[in-house]
Amino acid sequence: MAGLFSHPRRRTRLAPTQLIALAFLALILLGAALLTLPIASAGGKSCGFLSALFTSTSATCVTGLVLFDTGIQWSLFGQGVILGLIEIGGLGFMSAASLVVFLLRRRVGLRQRMLMAQALSMDEMSGIVHLQQWVLWSSLTVQGAGALILFFRFLPQFGWRQAAWWGVFHAVSAFCNAGFDIFGQVLPEGAGMISFNGDWVVCVVLMALIVIGGLGFFVCQEVVTVHSFRKFSVYTKLVLLISLALVLVGACAVCLLEWNNPATLGPMPVWQKILNGFFQSVTTRTAGFASIDQGRLTDAGKAVSMVLMLTGGASGSTAGGMKVVTAAVLVLFVWSRARGRDTVCVFRRTVPEGKVMDATTLACLMLALAMVGAIAISAGSGFSLTDAAYEAVSALATVGLTAGGTPLLNGWCQCLIILYMYFGRVGVLTLSLGFLMGNRAESRFRYAQTNLLIG
């Protein structure tokens, strides 16, 4: 009996979800401190703590919203800090810590395995160390391949030094779904990715990296090792099918709505319109590279983009949003209830009721926060409600696309966007369960049921 009370400190240990949230916060503050230094700015003058905090949060949470052009404002040191934050934030701090453990050949304990599982959005710890190793090496391999292709593309025009740096930076930014670019010095100055919207090599490579990073590490491993769609798990089948459908439907919708818009796709030749329609569909799935002016999209085009932003990528990936399987479960739930069925089924399997409730809770939280954020930004900065919603959804889903309003946000709205980026990356549901409900006792009684009129 004495052993039960001999270590009272163990009772106060933080849960894995809480440790992950606090680690992200510590990384953000460290990045902000480094970016505040005068050496981090190209002009040799500090940008101020709030601007540094905004940029650090955006990089760590792999969002891509910026107050300044990344390629113009930040020095090589500042860009290196941002790149490091993107890599650690995209793969997760546990991946970076695991790399050190693996290199030192240390034993991975039970608590470390729990943290790895939580960081990768896995429900169980079986095989988690092997998966973490696979995540590290496959991620570095894919990013390296993307960087090499981009290096040879940029080499003839920009020289080997700039080509190497641009290749590495944009490969990491795309794979981690961050959306930061350092193309700001390319004419016209400040145009960023728009300067390369007619370059099919750059566009295709970035799209491929975005899609691979957004599929999720578990899905990618299963695709590589299993080789048969029939043998894939139900989760992997859902992620692949829904991701493909969203890319195709999104591209068709963007092309249809923006085809004759003189401010976006209108002046382009047909092949370039199709290319940028696909790029817009892919990048809104939480990547944030803008190959067309987001502020000059039609209202319908912005609405489609916001739907894609909120949906996001897969769980356990570098992408944000409410996640594709969450959206799929919601659609299946509505379809089942509309047909008078009580259970949600997919691929001849029943989805547990608890998972359906989790998906509903997450979707409601995301939509409610997006609405509140849109109203607050519109009231605080004078944006139209559509542009304010675009900003709020982009931050909450960690996308990084903006209708041009990010640099115009006042201090209070910048703080709101910082909070939204943090919540969007760490996970609204993870935070609520980890901090608010982690120690809640199970209900010991139930009230009598009552009937309510619905609909």
Protein backbone atom coordinates (compact mmCIF):
# COMPACT_ATOMS: atom_id res chain seq x y z
CA MET A 1 0.00 0.00 0.00
CA ALA A 2 2.88 2.36 0.72
CA GLY A 3 3.89 2.29 -2.93
CA LEU A 4 0.62 3.91 -3.92
CA PHE A 5 1.45 7.05 -1.96
CA SER A 6 5.24 7.17 -2.16
CA HIS A 7 5.41 9.35 -5.28
CA PRO A 8 2.84 12.12 -4.96
CA ARG A 9 4.47 14.13 -7.75
CA ARG A 10 3.35 11.60 -10.32
CA ARG A 11 -0.23 12.74 -9.85
CA THR A 12 0.64 16.20 -11.16
CA ARG A 13 2.35 15.02 -14.34
CA LEU A 14 1.05 16.64 -17.48
CA ALA A 15 -0.82 14.53 -19.99
CA PRO A 16 0.79 13.99 -23.42
CA THR A 17 -1.67 16.41 -25.05
CA GLN A 18 -0.74 19.10 -22.54
CA LEU A 19 2.99 18.53 -23.03
CA ILE A 20 2.61 18.85 -26.80
CA ALA A 21 0.63 22.08 -26.48
CA LEU A 22 3.17 23.58 -24.08
CA ALA A 23 6.11 22.47 -26.24
CA PHE A 24 4.61 24.25 -29.25
CA LEU A 25 4.15 27.36 -27.09
CA ALA A 26 7.78 27.23 -25.91
CA LEU A 27 9.01 26.83 -29.49
CA ILE A 28 6.92 29.80 -30.61
CA LEU A 29 8.35 32.02 -27.86
CA LEU A 30 11.92 30.92 -28.66
CA GLY A 31 11.38 31.68 -32.34
CA ALA A 32 9.89 35.08 -31.51
CA ALA A 33 12.90 35.94 -29.36
CA LEU A 34 15.28 35.06 -32.20
CA LEU A 35 13.28 36.94 -34.84
CA THR A 36 13.19 40.03 -32.62
CA LEU A 37 16.98 40.31 -32.88
CA PRO A 38 18.21 43.00 -35.32
CA ILE A 39 20.32 40.37 -37.12
CA ALA A 40 17.13 38.57 -38.14
CA SER A 41 15.89 41.53 -40.23
CA ALA A 42 17.46 42.38 -43.59
CA GLY A 43 17.64 46.05 -42.64
CA GLY A 44 19.44 45.34 -39.35
CA LYS A 45 16.61 46.82 -37.28
CA SER A 46 14.36 44.82 -34.98
CA CYS A 47 10.81 44.32 -36.26
CA GLY A 48 9.34 44.41 -32.74
CA PHE A 49 8.15 41.59 -30.52
CA LEU A 50 4.52 41.40 -31.71
CA SER A 51 5.55 41.11 -35.37
CA ALA A 52 8.18 38.53 -34.45
CA LEU A 53 5.62 36.59 -32.38
CA PHE A 54 3.15 36.66 -35.26
CA THR A 55 5.77 35.33 -37.70
CA SER A 56 7.06 32.72 -35.26
CA THR A 57 3.53 31.44 -34.58
CA SER A 58 2.77 31.31 -38.29
CA ALA A 59 5.96 29.34 -38.99
CA THR A 60 5.69 26.95 -36.03
CA CYS A 61 2.01 26.32 -36.73
CA VAL A 62 2.88 25.92 -40.46
CA THR A 63 0.31 28.52 -41.45
CA GLY A 64 2.04 31.02 -43.75
CA LEU A 65 0.24 34.25 -42.86
CA VAL A 66 2.81 37.04 -42.82
CA LEU A 67 2.93 40.73 -41.96
CA PHE A 68 5.94 41.27 -44.25
CA ASP A 69 7.26 39.66 -47.40
CA THR A 70 9.49 36.84 -46.10
CA GLY A 71 12.11 37.20 -48.83
CA ILE A 72 12.44 40.97 -48.37
CA GLN A 73 12.00 41.53 -44.62
CA TRP A 74 14.16 38.76 -43.19
CA SER A 75 17.91 38.25 -43.46
CA LEU A 76 19.45 34.86 -44.18
CA PHE A 77 19.59 34.29 -40.41
CA GLY A 78 15.91 35.21 -40.04
CA GLN A 79 14.91 32.98 -42.94
CA GLY A 80 16.92 30.15 -41.37
CA VAL A 81 15.05 30.58 -38.08
CA ILE A 82 11.73 30.50 -39.94
CA LEU A 83 12.80 27.38 -41.86
CA GLY A 84 13.75 25.63 -38.61
CA LEU A 85 10.41 26.52 -37.03
CA ILE A 86 8.56 25.22 -40.10
CA GLU A 87 10.42 21.90 -40.05
CA ILE A 88 9.97 21.29 -36.33
CA GLY A 89 6.38 22.55 -36.34
CA GLY A 90 5.46 20.55 -39.44
CA LEU A 91 6.93 17.21 -38.42
CA GLY A 92 6.20 17.84 -34.74
CA PHE A 93 8.62 18.56 -31.93
CA MET A 94 8.50 14.89 -30.94
CA SER A 95 9.96 13.95 -34.34
CA ALA A 96 12.87 16.31 -33.79
CA ALA A 97 13.41 14.97 -30.26
CA SER A 98 13.12 11.39 -31.53
CA LEU A 99 15.82 12.03 -34.12
CA VAL A 100 18.26 12.89 -31.32
CA VAL A 101 17.22 9.79 -29.37
CA PHE A 102 17.66 7.54 -32.41
CA LEU A 103 21.06 9.02 -33.27
CA LEU A 104 22.26 8.54 -29.70
CA ARG A 105 20.82 5.00 -29.72
CA ARG A 106 18.91 5.62 -26.51
CA ARG A 107 16.04 3.42 -25.36
CA VAL A 108 12.57 4.83 -25.97
CA GLY A 109 10.48 4.62 -22.81
CA LEU A 110 6.74 4.22 -22.35
CA ARG A 111 6.13 7.94 -21.79
CA GLN A 112 8.08 8.82 -24.93
CA ARG A 113 6.03 6.29 -26.89
CA MET A 114 2.82 7.89 -25.59
CA LEU A 115 4.03 11.31 -26.73
CA MET A 116 4.97 9.96 -30.15
CA ALA A 117 1.54 8.38 -30.56
CA GLN A 118 -0.23 11.58 -29.54
CA ALA A 119 1.95 13.74 -31.81
CA LEU A 120 1.20 11.48 -34.78
CA SER A 121 -2.55 11.31 -33.93
CA MET A 122 -2.38 7.56 -33.34
CA ASP A 123 -4.77 5.74 -31.01
CA GLU A 124 -2.33 3.00 -30.03
CA MET A 125 1.39 2.64 -29.32
CA SER A 126 1.98 -0.64 -31.13
CA GLY A 127 4.77 -0.10 -33.68
CA ILE A 128 4.93 3.63 -32.91
CA VAL A 129 8.76 3.73 -32.71
CA HIS A 130 9.08 2.10 -36.13
CA LEU A 131 6.50 4.52 -37.53
CA GLN A 132 8.36 7.48 -36.02
CA GLN A 133 11.60 6.31 -37.62
CA TRP A 134 9.84 5.91 -40.94
CA VAL A 135 8.33 9.39 -40.61
CA LEU A 136 11.75 10.97 -40.08
CA TRP A 137 13.65 9.29 -42.88
CA SER A 138 10.85 9.33 -45.46
CA SER A 139 10.11 12.99 -44.76
CA LEU A 140 13.75 13.98 -45.18
CA THR A 141 13.97 11.89 -48.37
CA VAL A 142 10.88 13.44 -49.97
CA GLN A 143 11.94 16.95 -49.02
CA GLY A 144 15.44 16.29 -50.34
CA ALA A 145 14.10 15.06 -53.67
CA GLY A 146 11.86 18.12 -54.00
CA ALA A 147 14.73 20.45 -53.10
CA LEU A 148 16.96 18.81 -55.72
CA ILE A 149 14.42 19.24 -58.52
CA LEU A 150 13.80 22.88 -57.56
CA PHE A 151 17.57 23.47 -57.36
CA PHE A 152 18.10 22.41 -60.98
CA ARG A 153 15.08 24.48 -62.04
CA PHE A 154 16.40 27.66 -60.39
CA LEU A 155 20.10 27.07 -61.18
CA PRO A 156 20.30 28.53 -64.71
CA GLN A 157 18.46 31.72 -63.75
CA PHE A 158 19.61 32.48 -60.21
CA GLY A 159 22.99 30.80 -59.63
CA TRP A 160 23.86 27.85 -57.44
CA ARG A 161 23.78 29.55 -54.02
CA GLN A 162 20.34 31.10 -54.39
CA ALA A 163 19.05 28.02 -56.23
CA ALA A 164 20.19 25.74 -53.39
CA TRP A 165 18.65 27.91 -50.68
CA TRP A 166 15.41 28.43 -52.59
CA GLY A 167 15.17 24.72 -53.34
CA VAL A 168 15.59 23.68 -49.71
CA PHE A 169 13.37 26.43 -48.28
CA HIS A 170 10.43 25.89 -50.63
CA ALA A 171 10.63 22.08 -50.51
CA VAL A 172 10.40 22.15 -46.70
CA SER A 173 7.71 24.84 -46.75
CA ALA A 174 5.59 22.88 -49.24
CA PHE A 175 5.97 19.46 -47.60
CA CYS A 176 5.15 20.93 -44.20
CA ASN A 177 2.15 22.73 -45.72
CA ALA A 178 3.52 26.04 -44.44
CA GLY A 179 3.17 28.24 -47.51
CA PHE A 180 6.10 30.57 -46.78
CA ASP A 181 7.96 31.67 -49.91
CA ILE A 182 11.05 33.82 -50.40
CA PHE A 183 10.39 34.79 -54.01
CA GLY A 184 9.83 38.41 -52.96
CA GLN A 185 12.89 39.75 -54.78
CA VAL A 186 11.75 38.38 -58.14
CA LEU A 187 10.18 41.04 -60.33
CA PRO A 188 7.58 42.33 -59.89
CA GLU A 189 8.91 42.71 -56.34
CA GLY A 190 6.65 41.26 -53.67
CA ALA A 191 4.60 39.16 -56.09
CA GLY A 192 5.91 35.97 -54.50
CA MET A 193 4.57 32.71 -55.92
CA ILE A 194 2.51 34.63 -58.49
CA SER A 195 5.79 35.23 -60.37
CA PHE A 196 5.98 31.46 -61.02
CA ASN A 197 2.32 30.68 -61.78
CA GLY A 198 3.30 29.92 -65.38
CA ASP A 199 6.19 27.65 -64.42
CA TRP A 200 4.83 24.12 -64.52
CA VAL A 201 7.93 22.58 -62.91
CA VAL A 202 7.71 24.77 -59.79
CA CYS A 203 3.92 24.41 -59.57
CA VAL A 204 3.86 20.63 -60.02
CA VAL A 205 6.72 19.99 -57.59
CA LEU A 206 5.13 22.18 -54.91
CA MET A 207 1.72 20.55 -55.45
CA ALA A 208 3.24 17.06 -55.15
CA LEU A 209 5.01 17.97 -51.90
CA ILE A 210 1.85 19.58 -50.49
CA VAL A 211 -0.26 16.51 -51.29
CA ILE A 212 2.27 14.02 -49.88
CA GLY A 213 2.69 16.06 -46.69
CA GLY A 214 -1.08 16.40 -46.32
CA LEU A 215 -1.91 12.70 -46.69
CA GLY A 216 -0.51 11.82 -43.30
CA PHE A 217 2.45 9.68 -42.29
CA PHE A 218 0.38 6.60 -41.49
CA VAL A 219 -1.33 6.71 -44.90
CA CYS A 220 1.94 7.20 -46.77
CA GLN A 221 3.54 4.28 -44.95
CA GLU A 222 0.61 2.00 -45.74
CA VAL A 223 0.63 3.02 -49.41
CA VAL A 224 4.36 2.28 -49.68
CA THR A 225 4.28 -1.03 -47.81
CA VAL A 226 0.92 -2.59 -48.75
CA HIS A 227 0.70 -1.78 -52.50
CA SER A 228 -2.93 -2.88 -52.80
CA PHE A 229 -5.98 -0.63 -52.44
CA ARG A 230 -8.14 -3.57 -51.40
CA LYS A 231 -5.84 -4.35 -48.48
CA PHE A 232 -5.65 -0.77 -47.27
CA SER A 233 -7.32 0.08 -43.97
CA VAL A 234 -10.68 1.83 -44.10
CA TYR A 235 -9.00 5.03 -42.89
CA THR A 236 -6.41 5.01 -45.69
CA LYS A 237 -9.08 4.31 -48.32
CA LEU A 238 -11.15 7.24 -47.06
CA VAL A 239 -8.17 9.63 -47.01
CA LEU A 240 -7.07 8.72 -50.53
CA LEU A 241 -10.52 8.82 -52.11
CA ILE A 242 -11.66 12.01 -50.41
CA SER A 243 -8.37 13.79 -51.05
CA LEU A 244 -8.53 12.93 -54.75
CA ALA A 245 -12.18 14.00 -54.95
CA LEU A 246 -11.49 17.30 -53.20
CA VAL A 247 -8.58 18.13 -55.51
CA LEU A 248 -10.61 17.37 -58.65
CA VAL A 249 -13.84 19.01 -57.51
CA GLY A 250 -11.97 22.00 -56.10
CA ALA A 251 -10.00 22.52 -59.32
CA CYS A 252 -13.16 22.28 -61.44
CA ALA A 253 -14.97 24.75 -59.18
CA VAL A 254 -12.08 27.25 -59.23
CA CYS A 255 -11.75 27.05 -63.01
CA LEU A 256 -15.49 27.41 -63.49
CA LEU A 257 -15.79 30.43 -61.19
CA GLU A 258 -12.56 32.21 -62.14
CA TRP A 259 -12.16 31.26 -65.81
CA ASN A 260 -13.12 34.69 -67.15
CA ASN A 261 -12.09 36.76 -64.11
CA PRO A 262 -9.60 39.31 -65.54
CA ALA A 263 -7.92 39.66 -62.15
CA THR A 264 -7.13 35.94 -61.69
CA LEU A 265 -7.34 33.25 -64.39
CA GLY A 266 -8.85 35.39 -67.16
CA PRO A 267 -5.69 36.57 -69.01
CA MET A 268 -3.95 33.16 -68.88
CA PRO A 269 -3.81 30.61 -71.72
CA VAL A 270 -5.94 27.50 -71.25
CA TRP A 271 -3.13 25.25 -69.98
CA GLN A 272 -2.12 27.84 -67.38
CA LYS A 273 -5.71 28.32 -66.23
CA ILE A 274 -6.02 24.57 -65.62
CA LEU A 275 -2.62 24.44 -63.89
CA ASN A 276 -3.50 27.29 -61.54
CA GLY A 277 -7.00 25.92 -60.96
CA PHE A 278 -5.41 22.74 -59.65
CA PHE A 279 -2.79 24.70 -57.72
CA GLN A 280 -5.49 26.76 -55.98
CA SER A 281 -7.40 23.59 -55.12
CA VAL A 282 -4.30 21.94 -53.66
CA THR A 283 -2.86 24.95 -51.84
CA THR A 284 -6.13 25.75 -50.05
CA ARG A 285 -5.83 22.35 -48.36
CA THR A 286 -3.67 24.22 -45.78
CA ALA A 287 -0.52 24.93 -47.83
CA GLY A 288 -0.87 28.68 -48.38
CA PHE A 289 1.15 29.35 -51.54
CA ALA A 290 -0.77 31.90 -53.62
CA SER A 291 -0.29 31.55 -57.39
CA ILE A 292 -3.18 33.98 -58.03
CA ASP A 293 -4.25 37.13 -56.18
CA GLN A 294 -6.56 35.86 -53.41
CA GLY A 295 -7.99 39.31 -52.78
CA ARG A 296 -9.31 39.52 -56.34
CA LEU A 297 -11.10 36.18 -56.39
CA THR A 298 -14.82 36.34 -56.92
CA ASP A 299 -16.94 35.97 -53.77
CA ALA A 300 -17.96 32.51 -54.99
CA GLY A 301 -14.30 31.62 -55.52
CA LYS A 302 -13.48 32.74 -51.99
CA ALA A 303 -16.37 30.68 -50.62
CA VAL A 304 -15.11 27.51 -52.37
CA SER A 305 -11.60 28.21 -51.11
CA MET A 306 -12.85 28.59 -47.53
CA VAL A 307 -14.66 25.24 -47.71
CA LEU A 308 -11.45 23.58 -48.88
CA MET A 309 -9.48 25.38 -46.14
CA LEU A 310 -11.79 24.18 -43.39
CA THR A 311 -11.66 20.60 -44.68
CA GLY A 312 -7.86 20.51 -44.67
CA GLY A 313 -5.73 17.37 -44.93
CA ALA A 314 -5.46 14.08 -43.08
CA SER A 315 -4.92 13.46 -39.39
CA GLY A 316 -1.32 12.92 -38.37
CA SER A 317 -0.09 14.97 -41.33
CA THR A 318 1.52 18.38 -41.71
CA ALA A 319 -1.83 19.82 -42.79
CA GLY A 320 -4.46 21.55 -40.66
CA GLY A 321 -8.21 22.06 -40.94
CA MET A 322 -10.88 19.82 -39.45
CA LYS A 323 -9.37 16.93 -41.49
CA VAL A 324 -10.79 15.02 -44.44
CA VAL A 325 -12.02 11.98 -42.51
CA THR A 326 -13.80 14.25 -40.02
CA ALA A 327 -15.64 15.87 -42.91
CA ALA A 328 -16.39 12.44 -44.40
CA VAL A 329 -17.82 11.13 -41.13
CA LEU A 330 -20.05 14.21 -40.89
CA VAL A 331 -21.37 13.73 -44.44
CA LEU A 332 -21.95 10.02 -43.83
CA PHE A 333 -23.70 10.79 -40.55
CA VAL A 334 -26.05 13.30 -42.17
CA TRP A 335 -26.72 10.88 -45.04
CA SER A 336 -27.46 8.04 -42.62
CA ARG A 337 -29.81 10.14 -40.49
CA ALA A 338 -31.58 11.45 -43.60
CA ARG A 339 -32.36 7.84 -44.51
CA GLY A 340 -33.55 7.07 -40.98
CA ARG A 341 -30.55 5.00 -39.94
CA ASP A 342 -28.89 5.20 -36.52
CA THR A 343 -25.44 3.93 -37.52
CA VAL A 344 -22.76 5.32 -39.80
CA CYS A 345 -21.23 2.73 -42.13
CA VAL A 346 -18.41 2.90 -44.66
CA PHE A 347 -16.73 0.11 -46.63
CA ARG A 348 -18.90 -2.42 -44.75
CA ARG A 349 -17.67 -1.20 -41.40
CA THR A 350 -19.54 0.69 -38.68
CA VAL A 351 -18.06 3.93 -37.38
CA PRO A 352 -18.23 4.02 -33.55
CA GLU A 353 -20.73 6.51 -32.12
CA GLY A 354 -17.95 8.18 -30.12
CA LYS A 355 -16.03 8.97 -33.31
CA VAL A 356 -19.13 10.49 -34.86
CA MET A 357 -19.60 12.70 -31.80
CA ASP A 358 -15.92 13.72 -31.90
CA ALA A 359 -16.25 14.72 -35.55
CA THR A 360 -19.42 16.69 -34.87
CA THR A 361 -17.85 18.46 -31.90
CA LEU A 362 -14.72 19.42 -33.83
CA ALA A 363 -16.70 20.68 -36.82
CA CYS A 364 -19.01 22.77 -34.63
CA LEU A 365 -16.03 24.28 -32.78
CA MET A 366 -14.26 25.12 -36.03
CA LEU A 367 -17.34 26.73 -37.58
CA ALA A 368 -18.18 28.68 -34.42
CA LEU A 369 -14.63 30.00 -34.06
CA ALA A 370 -14.51 30.92 -37.75
CA MET A 371 -17.75 32.89 -37.42
CA VAL A 372 -16.65 34.68 -34.24
CA GLY A 373 -13.26 35.45 -35.76
CA ALA A 374 -14.80 36.84 -38.93
CA ILE A 375 -17.07 39.18 -36.99
CA ALA A 376 -14.24 40.32 -34.69
CA ILE A 377 -11.81 40.99 -37.56
CA SER A 378 -14.45 42.79 -39.60
CA ALA A 379 -15.36 44.99 -36.64
CA GLY A 380 -11.77 45.59 -35.56
CA SER A 381 -10.07 46.22 -38.89
CA GLY A 382 -12.91 47.38 -41.13
CA PHE A 383 -12.65 44.50 -43.62
CA SER A 384 -15.68 43.21 -45.49
CA LEU A 385 -17.20 40.18 -43.79
CA THR A 386 -16.06 37.93 -46.65
CA ASP A 387 -12.43 39.05 -46.43
CA ALA A 388 -12.52 38.89 -42.63
CA ALA A 389 -13.89 35.34 -42.79
CA TYR A 390 -11.16 34.43 -45.29
CA GLU A 391 -8.56 35.67 -42.82
CA ALA A 392 -10.10 33.88 -39.83
CA VAL A 393 -10.61 30.57 -41.64
CA SER A 394 -7.09 30.71 -43.09
CA ALA A 395 -5.58 31.16 -39.62
CA LEU A 396 -7.80 28.59 -37.90
CA ALA A 397 -7.17 25.96 -40.59
CA THR A 398 -3.44 26.90 -40.68
CA VAL A 399 -3.60 27.65 -44.40
CA GLY A 400 -1.85 30.99 -44.78
CA LEU A 401 -3.79 32.43 -47.71
CA THR A 402 -4.99 35.99 -47.34
CA ALA A 403 -7.20 38.32 -49.32
CA GLY A 404 -4.55 40.98 -48.75
CA GLY A 405 -5.60 41.99 -45.27
CA THR A 406 -2.95 40.43 -43.01
CA PRO A 407 -0.47 43.38 -43.12
CA LEU A 408 -3.36 45.77 -42.41
CA LEU A 409 -4.52 44.08 -39.19
CA ASN A 410 -4.35 46.16 -36.02
CA GLY A 411 -2.63 44.86 -32.88
CA TRP A 412 -5.72 43.26 -31.36
CA CYS A 413 -6.61 41.43 -34.57
CA GLN A 414 -3.03 40.24 -34.91
CA CYS A 415 -3.30 38.73 -31.42
CA LEU A 416 -6.55 37.02 -32.40
CA ILE A 417 -4.93 35.54 -35.51
CA ILE A 418 -1.99 34.33 -33.38
CA LEU A 419 -4.42 32.51 -31.07
CA TYR A 420 -6.28 31.03 -34.03
CA MET A 421 -3.08 29.74 -35.64
CA TYR A 422 -2.03 28.14 -32.35
CA PHE A 423 -5.41 26.50 -31.78
CA GLY A 424 -5.56 25.35 -35.38
CA ARG A 425 -2.20 23.59 -35.24
CA VAL A 426 -2.31 22.06 -31.77
CA GLY A 427 -5.89 21.03 -32.36
CA VAL A 428 -9.09 22.43 -30.96
CA LEU A 429 -10.32 19.02 -29.92
CA THR A 430 -6.94 17.98 -28.49
CA LEU A 431 -6.74 21.13 -26.38
CA SER A 432 -10.28 20.82 -25.08
CA LEU A 433 -9.84 17.17 -24.16
CA GLY A 434 -6.33 17.57 -22.79
CA PHE A 435 -6.77 20.70 -20.66
CA LEU A 436 -10.47 20.95 -19.92
CA MET A 437 -11.59 17.35 -19.66
CA GLY A 438 -8.42 15.40 -18.86
CA ASN A 439 -9.18 14.92 -15.16
CA ARG A 440 -12.94 14.88 -15.31
CA ALA A 441 -14.50 11.93 -13.53
CA GLU A 442 -16.99 9.78 -15.35
CA SER A 443 -20.61 10.73 -14.82
CA ARG A 444 -21.98 8.74 -11.90
CA PHE A 445 -25.62 9.31 -12.69
CA ARG A 446 -27.91 10.26 -15.56
CA TYR A 447 -31.00 12.43 -15.61
CA ALA A 448 -34.25 11.02 -16.94
CA GLN A 449 -34.67 11.37 -20.69
CA THR A 450 -36.90 13.95 -22.31
CA ASN A 451 -38.30 14.29 -25.81
CA LEU A 452 -37.58 17.42 -27.84
CA LEU A 453 -38.91 18.54 -31.19
CA ILE A 454 -36.06 18.73 -33.72
CA GLY A 455 -36.44 20.34 -37.12
